[in-house]
Structure formats: structure tokens, C-alpha cells
Amino acid sequence: MHIKINSDQPMKSPKMQILQLDEKLNEIDKRIAH
């Protein structure tokens, strides 16, 4: 299975997107907790 990398967005790998989502969810959790 070949993964095509878009040269315009080299950092937009699925793993990076998941990490960014995790950070956003953590921020929301902190807002709800406080």
C-alpha cells in the first residue's frame, strides 16, 4: 500500500492530525473540569 505525500503539507500526516485533535480535546476537558 503506497501512501502519497502532499508536498504542500508535509506535516499533515494522519498521526500529526490525531495529535492535534488530542490537544484540542485536552483543552476542552480542562475547560469543562474547571
C-alpha atoms as a PDB file:
ATOM      1  CA  MET A   1       0.000   0.000   0.000  1.00  0.00           C
ATOM      2  CA  HIS A   2       1.619   3.216  -1.193  1.00  0.00           C
ATOM      3  CA  ILE A   3       0.952   6.429   0.709  1.00  0.00           C
ATOM      4  CA  LYS A   4       1.073   9.586  -1.393  1.00  0.00           C
ATOM      5  CA  ILE A   5       2.519  12.553   0.483  1.00  0.00           C
ATOM      6  CA  ASN A   6       1.313  16.020  -0.462  1.00  0.00           C
ATOM      7  CA  SER A   7       4.394  18.231  -0.790  1.00  0.00           C
ATOM      8  CA  ASP A   8       2.284  21.283   0.125  1.00  0.00           C
ATOM      9  CA  GLN A   9       1.543  19.881   3.584  1.00  0.00           C
ATOM     10  CA  PRO A  10       4.442  17.637   4.655  1.00  0.00           C
ATOM     11  CA  MET A  11       3.466  17.852   8.343  1.00  0.00           C
ATOM     12  CA  LYS A  12      -0.187  16.888   7.806  1.00  0.00           C
ATOM     13  CA  SER A  13       0.289  13.176   8.374  1.00  0.00           C
ATOM     14  CA  PRO A  14      -2.634  11.287   9.977  1.00  0.00           C
ATOM     15  CA  LYS A  15      -0.628  10.859  13.186  1.00  0.00           C
ATOM     16  CA  MET A  16       0.009  14.610  13.411  1.00  0.00           C
ATOM     17  CA  GLN A  17      -3.691  15.326  12.862  1.00  0.00           C
ATOM     18  CA  ILE A  18      -4.605  12.895  15.647  1.00  0.00           C
ATOM     19  CA  LEU A  19      -2.097  14.550  17.996  1.00  0.00           C
ATOM     20  CA  GLN A  20      -3.606  17.962  17.225  1.00  0.00           C
ATOM     21  CA  LEU A  21      -7.093  16.597  17.925  1.00  0.00           C
ATOM     22  CA  ASP A  22      -5.875  15.152  21.231  1.00  0.00           C
ATOM     23  CA  GLU A  23      -4.510  18.555  22.251  1.00  0.00           C
ATOM     24  CA  LYS A  24      -7.820  20.246  21.409  1.00  0.00           C
ATOM     25  CA  LEU A  25      -9.783  17.620  23.344  1.00  0.00           C
ATOM     26  CA  ASN A  26      -7.475  18.039  26.336  1.00  0.00           C
ATOM     27  CA  GLU A  27      -8.064  21.807  26.287  1.00  0.00           C
ATOM     28  CA  ILE A  28     -11.835  21.250  26.198  1.00  0.00           C
ATOM     29  CA  ASP A  29     -11.586  18.750  29.077  1.00  0.00           C
ATOM     30  CA  LYS A  30      -9.706  21.324  31.162  1.00  0.00           C
ATOM     31  CA  ARG A  31     -12.377  23.965  30.468  1.00  0.00           C
ATOM     32  CA  ILE A  32     -15.158  21.579  31.490  1.00  0.00           C
ATOM     33  CA  ALA A  33     -13.277  20.452  34.613  1.00  0.00           C
ATOM     34  CA  HIS A  34     -12.737  23.995  35.882  1.00  0.00           C
END
